[in-house]
Amino acid sequence: MSADSIAPFGSHAPSLWVRTLLAASQNTVLGRGQARRLISRMVRKAHPGPIDTYLWGKPVRVYVGSNNNEVKALLNPSSFNRAELETLRAHLPRSGGVFVDIGANVGMVTLAISAHMSSGTVVAIEPQPAMFKRLTFSLDQSSDEAIHHVLVSAAVGPEAGHAELAVPDQPGMASFALPSESDAGTVTVPVKPLSTILLDSGVTHIDALKIDVEGYEDQALIPFFARADRSLWPRLIVMEHCHSERWQRDVEAEILKLGYETLSRDKQNVCLSKAPP
């Protein structure tokens, strides 16, 4: 982590030209497709380092050259993960809700959901050290006494221990489930069962859970459902399924067997809702 990454917020304020580019892109038709890619290149050229800005009304430091997740949020926050975020907001109480983000990356979804809540608890779990530091920095800037942020530097897995996390050139794609022929580097990270993390965090119920762990979803969730009391099962699960070929067991089918229902499904995510008792 460079010295720039821990400089006070505002140290990397965008220039007038970059602010103009962002204004042209954010929440407009220019924030999509080829136009967004062109503006992205222009922003990278004009401001190659981190940018201190505001997204969803929250202060955030965005690294425009290192993570597609961040660039998409920066250039068009209103369309960033729109379907996923709309579903989460619809099922998460503004007051007193509990949101769990497994594979939080640098916290774009966590920030968007925190902006939706007036009070409650947000548990953000991210194993990759560099991503976790950036997640921590952004959430520290947007601290709100009414929202309890629990930040967990670990991966979710079946058993406690340590494991080698594969980190490719695109850091947001880090996973335990990358193919063996992958040339990604690795980093050793702690692994904890989700039930342990929730117990340590004082969480007794979950209104909404989002999980994006690049094909390790089965190892994170199936053991949790086998061990956790039903009262701890999330009312809503938004789960990435686009790397389901990496699953050892069909976690989506296993969750449906437990009484969950499919709310929606697209090429990236599936949204599952717990049926009432």
C-alpha atoms as a PDB file:
ATOM      1  CA  MET A   1       0.000   0.000   0.000  1.00  0.00           C
ATOM      2  CA  SER A   2       1.562   3.268  -1.112  1.00  0.00           C
ATOM      3  CA  ALA A   3       1.776   6.422   0.942  1.00  0.00           C
ATOM      4  CA  ASP A   4      -0.822   7.979  -1.388  1.00  0.00           C
ATOM      5  CA  SER A   5      -3.387   5.402  -0.325  1.00  0.00           C
ATOM      6  CA  ILE A   6      -3.431   6.652   3.260  1.00  0.00           C
ATOM      7  CA  ALA A   7      -3.214  10.376   2.511  1.00  0.00           C
ATOM      8  CA  PRO A   8      -6.159  12.305   4.002  1.00  0.00           C
ATOM      9  CA  PHE A   9      -9.369  12.324   2.011  1.00  0.00           C
ATOM     10  CA  GLY A  10      -9.324  15.291  -0.356  1.00  0.00           C
ATOM     11  CA  SER A  11      -5.627  14.941  -1.132  1.00  0.00           C
ATOM     12  CA  HIS A  12      -6.555  13.500  -4.521  1.00  0.00           C
ATOM     13  CA  ALA A  13      -9.315  15.895  -5.523  1.00  0.00           C
ATOM     14  CA  PRO A  14     -10.015  15.788  -9.283  1.00  0.00           C
ATOM     15  CA  SER A  15      -9.126  18.728 -11.503  1.00  0.00           C
ATOM     16  CA  LEU A  16     -11.787  20.875 -13.144  1.00  0.00           C
ATOM     17  CA  TRP A  17     -11.317  18.899 -16.376  1.00  0.00           C
ATOM     18  CA  VAL A  18     -11.818  15.558 -14.625  1.00  0.00           C
ATOM     19  CA  ARG A  19     -14.846  16.904 -12.759  1.00  0.00           C
ATOM     20  CA  THR A  20     -16.266  17.975 -16.131  1.00  0.00           C
ATOM     21  CA  LEU A  21     -15.701  14.498 -17.568  1.00  0.00           C
ATOM     22  CA  LEU A  22     -17.367  12.888 -14.561  1.00  0.00           C
ATOM     23  CA  ALA A  23     -20.326  15.255 -14.782  1.00  0.00           C
ATOM     24  CA  ALA A  24     -20.735  14.321 -18.436  1.00  0.00           C
ATOM     25  CA  SER A  25     -20.699  10.610 -17.605  1.00  0.00           C
ATOM     26  CA  GLN A  26     -22.451  10.210 -14.276  1.00  0.00           C
ATOM     27  CA  ASN A  27     -26.152   9.425 -14.564  1.00  0.00           C
ATOM     28  CA  THR A  28     -26.296  10.269 -18.299  1.00  0.00           C
ATOM     29  CA  VAL A  29     -26.366   8.257 -21.515  1.00  0.00           C
ATOM     30  CA  LEU A  30     -22.643   8.985 -21.859  1.00  0.00           C
ATOM     31  CA  GLY A  31     -22.028   6.736 -18.868  1.00  0.00           C
ATOM     32  CA  ARG A  32     -22.749   3.635 -20.926  1.00  0.00           C
ATOM     33  CA  GLY A  33     -21.104   1.516 -23.594  1.00  0.00           C
ATOM     34  CA  GLN A  34     -18.513   3.017 -25.915  1.00  0.00           C
ATOM     35  CA  ALA A  35     -18.987   6.539 -24.529  1.00  0.00           C
ATOM     36  CA  ARG A  36     -18.180   5.351 -21.010  1.00  0.00           C
ATOM     37  CA  ARG A  37     -15.075   3.528 -22.223  1.00  0.00           C
ATOM     38  CA  LEU A  38     -13.887   6.670 -24.016  1.00  0.00           C
ATOM     39  CA  ILE A  39     -14.474   8.851 -20.945  1.00  0.00           C
ATOM     40  CA  SER A  40     -12.758   6.236 -18.801  1.00  0.00           C
ATOM     41  CA  ARG A  41      -9.628   6.458 -20.953  1.00  0.00           C
ATOM     42  CA  MET A  42      -9.732  10.263 -20.793  1.00  0.00           C
ATOM     43  CA  VAL A  43     -10.090  10.243 -17.004  1.00  0.00           C
ATOM     44  CA  ARG A  44      -7.213   7.754 -16.636  1.00  0.00           C
ATOM     45  CA  LYS A  45      -4.976   9.912 -18.812  1.00  0.00           C
ATOM     46  CA  ALA A  46      -5.869  13.155 -17.018  1.00  0.00           C
ATOM     47  CA  HIS A  47      -5.753  11.671 -13.499  1.00  0.00           C
ATOM     48  CA  PRO A  48      -3.835   8.371 -13.409  1.00  0.00           C
ATOM     49  CA  GLY A  49      -3.795   8.116  -9.612  1.00  0.00           C
ATOM     50  CA  PRO A  50      -6.645   7.780  -7.091  1.00  0.00           C
ATOM     51  CA  ILE A  51      -9.561  10.201  -7.165  1.00  0.00           C
ATOM     52  CA  ASP A  52     -11.287  11.461  -4.022  1.00  0.00           C
ATOM     53  CA  THR A  53     -14.942  11.982  -4.811  1.00  0.00           C
ATOM     54  CA  TYR A  54     -18.481  11.241  -3.642  1.00  0.00           C
ATOM     55  CA  LEU A  55     -20.694   8.353  -4.721  1.00  0.00           C
ATOM     56  CA  TRP A  56     -24.258   7.910  -3.414  1.00  0.00           C
ATOM     57  CA  GLY A  57     -23.513  10.886  -1.179  1.00  0.00           C
ATOM     58  CA  LYS A  58     -20.621   9.046   0.475  1.00  0.00           C
ATOM     59  CA  PRO A  59     -16.927  10.047   0.315  1.00  0.00           C
ATOM     60  CA  VAL A  60     -14.827   7.465  -1.505  1.00  0.00           C
ATOM     61  CA  ARG A  61     -11.342   7.100  -2.968  1.00  0.00           C
ATOM     62  CA  VAL A  62     -11.530   5.503  -6.413  1.00  0.00           C
ATOM     63  CA  TYR A  63      -8.586   3.969  -8.260  1.00  0.00           C
ATOM     64  CA  VAL A  64      -9.492   4.405 -11.906  1.00  0.00           C
ATOM     65  CA  GLY A  65      -6.703   2.281 -13.331  1.00  0.00           C
ATOM     66  CA  SER A  66      -6.851  -0.884 -11.291  1.00  0.00           C
ATOM     67  CA  ASN A  67     -10.375  -2.221 -10.835  1.00  0.00           C
ATOM     68  CA  ASN A  68     -13.278  -2.310 -13.311  1.00  0.00           C
ATOM     69  CA  ASN A  69     -15.722  -2.436 -10.410  1.00  0.00           C
ATOM     70  CA  GLU A  70     -14.635   1.000  -9.245  1.00  0.00           C
ATOM     71  CA  VAL A  71     -14.550   2.570 -12.696  1.00  0.00           C
ATOM     72  CA  LYS A  72     -18.121   1.502 -13.435  1.00  0.00           C
ATOM     73  CA  ALA A  73     -19.320   2.978 -10.143  1.00  0.00           C
ATOM     74  CA  LEU A  74     -17.392   6.207 -10.686  1.00  0.00           C
ATOM     75  CA  LEU A  75     -18.583   6.850 -14.233  1.00  0.00           C
ATOM     76  CA  ASN A  76     -22.240   5.950 -13.753  1.00  0.00           C
ATOM     77  CA  PRO A  77     -23.284   5.270 -10.143  1.00  0.00           C
ATOM     78  CA  SER A  78     -27.007   5.226 -10.965  1.00  0.00           C
ATOM     79  CA  SER A  79     -26.568   2.222 -13.276  1.00  0.00           C
ATOM     80  CA  PHE A  80     -23.874   0.452 -11.263  1.00  0.00           C
ATOM     81  CA  ASN A  81     -25.180  -3.050 -10.424  1.00  0.00           C
ATOM     82  CA  ARG A  82     -28.636  -1.531 -10.797  1.00  0.00           C
ATOM     83  CA  ALA A  83     -30.787  -4.674 -10.658  1.00  0.00           C
ATOM     84  CA  GLU A  84     -28.780  -6.125  -7.774  1.00  0.00           C
ATOM     85  CA  LEU A  85     -28.917  -2.918  -5.724  1.00  0.00           C
ATOM     86  CA  GLU A  86     -32.609  -2.303  -6.410  1.00  0.00           C
ATOM     87  CA  THR A  87     -33.435  -5.786  -5.119  1.00  0.00           C
ATOM     88  CA  LEU A  88     -31.274  -5.351  -2.030  1.00  0.00           C
ATOM     89  CA  ARG A  89     -32.807  -1.955  -1.228  1.00  0.00           C
ATOM     90  CA  ALA A  90     -36.325  -3.299  -1.684  1.00  0.00           C
ATOM     91  CA  HIS A  91     -35.740  -6.043   0.894  1.00  0.00           C
ATOM     92  CA  LEU A  92     -33.526  -4.221   3.362  1.00  0.00           C
ATOM     93  CA  PRO A  93     -35.220  -2.044   5.996  1.00  0.00           C
ATOM     94  CA  ARG A  94     -33.890   1.510   6.043  1.00  0.00           C
ATOM     95  CA  SER A  95     -33.979   1.453   9.820  1.00  0.00           C
ATOM     96  CA  GLY A  96     -32.406  -1.377  11.784  1.00  0.00           C
ATOM     97  CA  GLY A  97     -31.612  -3.603   8.837  1.00  0.00           C
ATOM     98  CA  VAL A  98     -28.711  -6.073   8.667  1.00  0.00           C
ATOM     99  CA  PHE A  99     -26.736  -6.438   5.436  1.00  0.00           C
ATOM    100  CA  VAL A 100     -23.885  -8.909   4.901  1.00  0.00           C
ATOM    101  CA  ASP A 101     -21.509  -8.441   1.956  1.00  0.00           C
ATOM    102  CA  ILE A 102     -19.340 -11.512   1.265  1.00  0.00           C
ATOM    103  CA  GLY A 103     -16.612 -10.589  -1.176  1.00  0.00           C
ATOM    104  CA  ALA A 104     -16.977  -6.869  -0.577  1.00  0.00           C
ATOM    105  CA  ASN A 105     -14.040  -5.923  -2.820  1.00  0.00           C
ATOM    106  CA  VAL A 106     -13.313  -2.216  -2.215  1.00  0.00           C
ATOM    107  CA  GLY A 107     -16.824  -1.612  -0.926  1.00  0.00           C
ATOM    108  CA  MET A 108     -18.848  -0.142  -3.800  1.00  0.00           C
ATOM    109  CA  VAL A 109     -21.950  -2.236  -3.017  1.00  0.00           C
ATOM    110  CA  THR A 110     -21.375  -1.777   0.713  1.00  0.00           C
ATOM    111  CA  LEU A 111     -21.277   2.009   0.278  1.00  0.00           C
ATOM    112  CA  ALA A 112     -24.383   2.065  -1.901  1.00  0.00           C
ATOM    113  CA  ILE A 113     -26.320   0.031   0.650  1.00  0.00           C
ATOM    114  CA  SER A 114     -24.992   2.083   3.582  1.00  0.00           C
ATOM    115  CA  ALA A 115     -26.311   5.181   1.800  1.00  0.00           C
ATOM    116  CA  HIS A 116     -29.747   3.531   1.650  1.00  0.00           C
ATOM    117  CA  MET A 117     -29.825   2.827   5.403  1.00  0.00           C
ATOM    118  CA  SER A 118     -30.574   5.328   8.162  1.00  0.00           C
ATOM    119  CA  SER A 119     -29.515   2.851  10.859  1.00  0.00           C
ATOM    120  CA  GLY A 120     -28.540  -0.775  11.192  1.00  0.00           C
ATOM    121  CA  THR A 121     -25.583  -3.099  10.709  1.00  0.00           C
ATOM    122  CA  VAL A 122     -23.392  -3.722   7.676  1.00  0.00           C
ATOM    123  CA  VAL A 123     -20.920  -6.624   7.727  1.00  0.00           C
ATOM    124  CA  ALA A 124     -18.353  -6.350   4.917  1.00  0.00           C
ATOM    125  CA  ILE A 125     -16.089  -9.369   4.398  1.00  0.00           C
ATOM    126  CA  GLU A 126     -13.054  -9.195   2.088  1.00  0.00           C
ATOM    127  CA  PRO A 127      -9.956 -11.429   2.187  1.00  0.00           C
ATOM    128  CA  GLN A 128      -7.614  -9.692  -0.234  1.00  0.00           C
ATOM    129  CA  PRO A 129      -5.370  -7.394   1.878  1.00  0.00           C
ATOM    130  CA  ALA A 130      -5.037  -4.567  -0.658  1.00  0.00           C
ATOM    131  CA  MET A 131      -8.773  -4.488  -1.340  1.00  0.00           C
ATOM    132  CA  PHE A 132      -9.555  -4.649   2.377  1.00  0.00           C
ATOM    133  CA  LYS A 133      -7.377  -1.601   3.115  1.00  0.00           C
ATOM    134  CA  ARG A 134      -9.201   0.393   0.473  1.00  0.00           C
ATOM    135  CA  LEU A 135     -12.566  -0.831   1.765  1.00  0.00           C
ATOM    136  CA  THR A 136     -11.591   0.244   5.273  1.00  0.00           C
ATOM    137  CA  PHE A 137     -10.432   3.670   4.114  1.00  0.00           C
ATOM    138  CA  SER A 138     -13.680   4.462   2.291  1.00  0.00           C
ATOM    139  CA  LEU A 139     -15.929   3.242   5.098  1.00  0.00           C
ATOM    140  CA  ASP A 140     -13.884   5.185   7.644  1.00  0.00           C
ATOM    141  CA  GLN A 141     -14.629   8.352   5.648  1.00  0.00           C
ATOM    142  CA  SER A 142     -18.354   7.666   5.653  1.00  0.00           C
ATOM    143  CA  SER A 143     -18.636   6.604   9.274  1.00  0.00           C
ATOM    144  CA  ASP A 144     -22.111   7.106  10.717  1.00  0.00           C
ATOM    145  CA  GLU A 145     -22.885   6.392  14.357  1.00  0.00           C
ATOM    146  CA  ALA A 146     -26.328   5.085  13.376  1.00  0.00           C
ATOM    147  CA  ILE A 147     -24.834   2.422  11.074  1.00  0.00           C
ATOM    148  CA  HIS A 148     -22.563  -0.173  12.639  1.00  0.00           C
ATOM    149  CA  HIS A 149     -19.919  -1.230  10.119  1.00  0.00           C
ATOM    150  CA  VAL A 150     -18.208  -4.560  10.846  1.00  0.00           C
ATOM    151  CA  LEU A 151     -15.173  -5.086   8.590  1.00  0.00           C
ATOM    152  CA  VAL A 152     -13.765  -8.599   8.392  1.00  0.00           C
ATOM    153  CA  SER A 153     -10.396  -9.278   6.755  1.00  0.00           C
ATOM    154  CA  ALA A 154     -10.969 -12.924   5.884  1.00  0.00           C
ATOM    155  CA  ALA A 155     -12.471 -15.272   3.361  1.00  0.00           C
ATOM    156  CA  VAL A 156     -15.628 -17.236   4.085  1.00  0.00           C
ATOM    157  CA  GLY A 157     -15.111 -20.984   3.880  1.00  0.00           C
ATOM    158  CA  PRO A 158     -16.163 -24.307   5.387  1.00  0.00           C
ATOM    159  CA  GLU A 159     -13.557 -24.387   8.168  1.00  0.00           C
ATOM    160  CA  ALA A 160     -11.332 -21.937  10.062  1.00  0.00           C
ATOM    161  CA  GLY A 161      -7.740 -21.767   8.897  1.00  0.00           C
ATOM    162  CA  HIS A 162      -5.647 -20.201   6.160  1.00  0.00           C
ATOM    163  CA  ALA A 163      -5.572 -20.699   2.389  1.00  0.00           C
ATOM    164  CA  GLU A 164      -3.871 -19.411  -0.750  1.00  0.00           C
ATOM    165  CA  LEU A 165      -6.033 -16.853  -2.562  1.00  0.00           C
ATOM    166  CA  ALA A 166      -5.338 -16.525  -6.290  1.00  0.00           C
ATOM    167  CA  VAL A 167      -5.109 -12.856  -7.334  1.00  0.00           C
ATOM    168  CA  PRO A 168      -5.135 -12.215 -11.100  1.00  0.00           C
ATOM    169  CA  ASP A 169      -4.221  -8.945 -12.838  1.00  0.00           C
ATOM    170  CA  GLN A 170      -7.789  -7.749 -12.289  1.00  0.00           C
ATOM    171  CA  PRO A 171      -7.771  -7.777  -8.455  1.00  0.00           C
ATOM    172  CA  GLY A 172     -11.535  -7.855  -8.145  1.00  0.00           C
ATOM    173  CA  MET A 173     -11.488 -11.368  -9.650  1.00  0.00           C
ATOM    174  CA  ALA A 174      -9.467 -12.971  -6.827  1.00  0.00           C
ATOM    175  CA  SER A 175     -10.724 -16.434  -5.871  1.00  0.00           C
ATOM    176  CA  PHE A 176      -9.934 -19.778  -4.280  1.00  0.00           C
ATOM    177  CA  ALA A 177     -11.661 -21.391  -7.256  1.00  0.00           C
ATOM    178  CA  LEU A 178      -9.569 -20.181 -10.192  1.00  0.00           C
ATOM    179  CA  PRO A 179      -8.615 -22.904 -12.693  1.00  0.00           C
ATOM    180  CA  SER A 180      -5.303 -24.646 -12.033  1.00  0.00           C
ATOM    181  CA  GLU A 181      -3.844 -23.300 -15.281  1.00  0.00           C
ATOM    182  CA  SER A 182      -4.356 -19.715 -14.118  1.00  0.00           C
ATOM    183  CA  ASP A 183      -1.144 -17.662 -13.916  1.00  0.00           C
ATOM    184  CA  ALA A 184      -2.477 -15.527 -11.055  1.00  0.00           C
ATOM    185  CA  GLY A 185      -0.236 -14.852  -8.084  1.00  0.00           C
ATOM    186  CA  THR A 186      -1.313 -15.924  -4.621  1.00  0.00           C
ATOM    187  CA  VAL A 187      -1.561 -14.479  -1.137  1.00  0.00           C
ATOM    188  CA  THR A 188      -2.189 -16.353   2.122  1.00  0.00           C
ATOM    189  CA  VAL A 189      -5.393 -15.183   3.830  1.00  0.00           C
ATOM    190  CA  PRO A 190      -7.386 -16.268   6.890  1.00  0.00           C
ATOM    191  CA  VAL A 191     -10.537 -18.317   6.333  1.00  0.00           C
ATOM    192  CA  LYS A 192     -13.530 -18.314   8.691  1.00  0.00           C
ATOM    193  CA  PRO A 193     -16.963 -19.964   8.548  1.00  0.00           C
ATOM    194  CA  LEU A 194     -19.768 -17.466   8.054  1.00  0.00           C
ATOM    195  CA  SER A 195     -21.452 -18.614  11.271  1.00  0.00           C
ATOM    196  CA  THR A 196     -18.283 -17.723  13.216  1.00  0.00           C
ATOM    197  CA  ILE A 197     -18.083 -14.274  11.624  1.00  0.00           C
ATOM    198  CA  LEU A 198     -21.726 -13.561  12.452  1.00  0.00           C
ATOM    199  CA  LEU A 199     -21.305 -14.739  16.046  1.00  0.00           C
ATOM    200  CA  ASP A 200     -18.228 -12.551  16.493  1.00  0.00           C
ATOM    201  CA  SER A 201     -20.115  -9.612  14.958  1.00  0.00           C
ATOM    202  CA  GLY A 202     -23.130  -9.976  17.246  1.00  0.00           C
ATOM    203  CA  VAL A 203     -25.460 -10.554  14.284  1.00  0.00           C
ATOM    204  CA  THR A 204     -28.641 -12.472  15.155  1.00  0.00           C
ATOM    205  CA  HIS A 205     -30.528 -12.104  11.862  1.00  0.00           C
ATOM    206  CA  ILE A 206     -29.785 -11.142   8.244  1.00  0.00           C
ATOM    207  CA  ASP A 207     -32.187  -9.140   6.106  1.00  0.00           C
ATOM    208  CA  ALA A 208     -30.080  -9.291   2.955  1.00  0.00           C
ATOM    209  CA  LEU A 209     -26.860 -11.036   1.952  1.00  0.00           C
ATOM    210  CA  LYS A 210     -24.813 -10.469  -1.191  1.00  0.00           C
ATOM    211  CA  ILE A 211     -22.095 -12.935  -2.168  1.00  0.00           C
ATOM    212  CA  ASP A 212     -19.605 -12.602  -5.022  1.00  0.00           C
ATOM    213  CA  VAL A 213     -16.569 -14.830  -4.505  1.00  0.00           C
ATOM    214  CA  GLU A 214     -15.773 -15.891  -8.066  1.00  0.00           C
ATOM    215  CA  GLY A 215     -16.912 -19.494  -7.924  1.00  0.00           C
ATOM    216  CA  TYR A 216     -16.416 -20.278  -4.225  1.00  0.00           C
ATOM    217  CA  GLU A 217     -20.026 -19.598  -3.279  1.00  0.00           C
ATOM    218  CA  ASP A 218     -20.755 -23.267  -2.605  1.00  0.00           C
ATOM    219  CA  GLN A 219     -17.899 -23.584  -0.105  1.00  0.00           C
ATOM    220  CA  ALA A 220     -19.013 -20.410   1.679  1.00  0.00           C
ATOM    221  CA  LEU A 221     -22.770 -21.039   1.911  1.00  0.00           C
ATOM    222  CA  ILE A 222     -23.514 -24.780   1.996  1.00  0.00           C
ATOM    223  CA  PRO A 223     -21.639 -25.342   5.308  1.00  0.00           C
ATOM    224  CA  PHE A 224     -23.339 -22.265   6.765  1.00  0.00           C
ATOM    225  CA  PHE A 225     -26.835 -23.561   6.022  1.00  0.00           C
ATOM    226  CA  ALA A 226     -25.886 -26.971   7.407  1.00  0.00           C
ATOM    227  CA  ARG A 227     -24.827 -25.493  10.763  1.00  0.00           C
ATOM    228  CA  ALA A 228     -26.734 -22.248  11.349  1.00  0.00           C
ATOM    229  CA  ASP A 229     -30.103 -21.984  13.010  1.00  0.00           C
ATOM    230  CA  ARG A 230     -32.891 -21.132  10.569  1.00  0.00           C
ATOM    231  CA  SER A 231     -33.386 -17.796  12.353  1.00  0.00           C
ATOM    232  CA  LEU A 232     -29.983 -16.755  11.001  1.00  0.00           C
ATOM    233  CA  TRP A 233     -30.738 -17.656   7.389  1.00  0.00           C
ATOM    234  CA  PRO A 234     -30.860 -14.510   5.226  1.00  0.00           C
ATOM    235  CA  ARG A 235     -34.284 -13.325   4.121  1.00  0.00           C
ATOM    236  CA  LEU A 236     -32.728 -12.401   0.770  1.00  0.00           C
ATOM    237  CA  ILE A 237     -29.640 -13.722  -1.007  1.00  0.00           C
ATOM    238  CA  VAL A 238     -28.120 -12.042  -4.052  1.00  0.00           C
ATOM    239  CA  MET A 239     -25.549 -14.506  -5.384  1.00  0.00           C
ATOM    240  CA  GLU A 240     -23.248 -14.406  -8.385  1.00  0.00           C
ATOM    241  CA  HIS A 241     -23.679 -17.583 -10.443  1.00  0.00           C
ATOM    242  CA  CYS A 242     -21.678 -16.767 -13.583  1.00  0.00           C
ATOM    243  CA  HIS A 243     -18.776 -18.934 -12.354  1.00  0.00           C
ATOM    244  CA  SER A 244     -20.972 -21.871 -11.367  1.00  0.00           C
ATOM    245  CA  GLU A 245     -18.746 -24.218 -13.388  1.00  0.00           C
ATOM    246  CA  ARG A 246     -16.250 -23.837 -10.526  1.00  0.00           C
ATOM    247  CA  TRP A 247     -18.733 -25.043  -7.909  1.00  0.00           C
ATOM    248  CA  GLN A 248     -18.155 -28.496  -6.453  1.00  0.00           C
ATOM    249  CA  ARG A 249     -21.844 -28.627  -5.521  1.00  0.00           C
ATOM    250  CA  ASP A 250     -24.779 -26.743  -7.020  1.00  0.00           C
ATOM    251  CA  VAL A 251     -25.290 -24.250  -4.221  1.00  0.00           C
ATOM    252  CA  GLU A 252     -28.234 -22.595  -5.980  1.00  0.00           C
ATOM    253  CA  ALA A 253     -30.116 -25.903  -6.136  1.00  0.00           C
ATOM    254  CA  GLU A 254     -29.197 -26.677  -2.513  1.00  0.00           C
ATOM    255  CA  ILE A 255     -30.586 -23.342  -1.311  1.00  0.00           C
ATOM    256  CA  LEU A 256     -33.815 -23.836  -3.269  1.00  0.00           C
ATOM    257  CA  LYS A 257     -34.257 -27.210  -1.530  1.00  0.00           C
ATOM    258  CA  LEU A 258     -34.250 -25.352   1.804  1.00  0.00           C
ATOM    259  CA  GLY A 259     -37.432 -23.502   0.873  1.00  0.00           C
ATOM    260  CA  TYR A 260     -36.039 -20.434  -0.859  1.00  0.00           C
ATOM    261  CA  GLU A 261     -37.722 -19.075  -3.976  1.00  0.00           C
ATOM    262  CA  THR A 262     -36.153 -17.504  -7.063  1.00  0.00           C
ATOM    263  CA  LEU A 263     -37.074 -13.830  -7.336  1.00  0.00           C
ATOM    264  CA  SER A 264     -35.000 -13.081 -10.430  1.00  0.00           C
ATOM    265  CA  ARG A 265     -32.088 -14.413 -12.423  1.00  0.00           C
ATOM    266  CA  ASP A 266     -29.883 -12.820 -15.057  1.00  0.00           C
ATOM    267  CA  LYS A 267     -26.595 -13.793 -16.663  1.00  0.00           C
ATOM    268  CA  GLN A 268     -24.644 -12.572 -13.620  1.00  0.00           C
ATOM    269  CA  ASN A 269     -26.697 -12.982 -10.432  1.00  0.00           C
ATOM    270  CA  VAL A 270     -29.587 -14.905  -8.957  1.00  0.00           C
ATOM    271  CA  CYS A 271     -31.811 -13.441  -6.220  1.00  0.00           C
ATOM    272  CA  LEU A 272     -33.301 -15.911  -3.753  1.00  0.00           C
ATOM    273  CA  SER A 273     -35.922 -15.140  -1.118  1.00  0.00           C
ATOM    274  CA  LYS A 274     -36.649 -17.175   2.009  1.00  0.00           C
ATOM    275  CA  ALA A 275     -40.211 -18.413   1.990  1.00  0.00           C
ATOM    276  CA  PRO A 276     -42.204 -17.511   5.116  1.00  0.00           C
ATOM    277  CA  PRO A 277     -42.481 -20.289   7.752  1.00  0.00           C
END
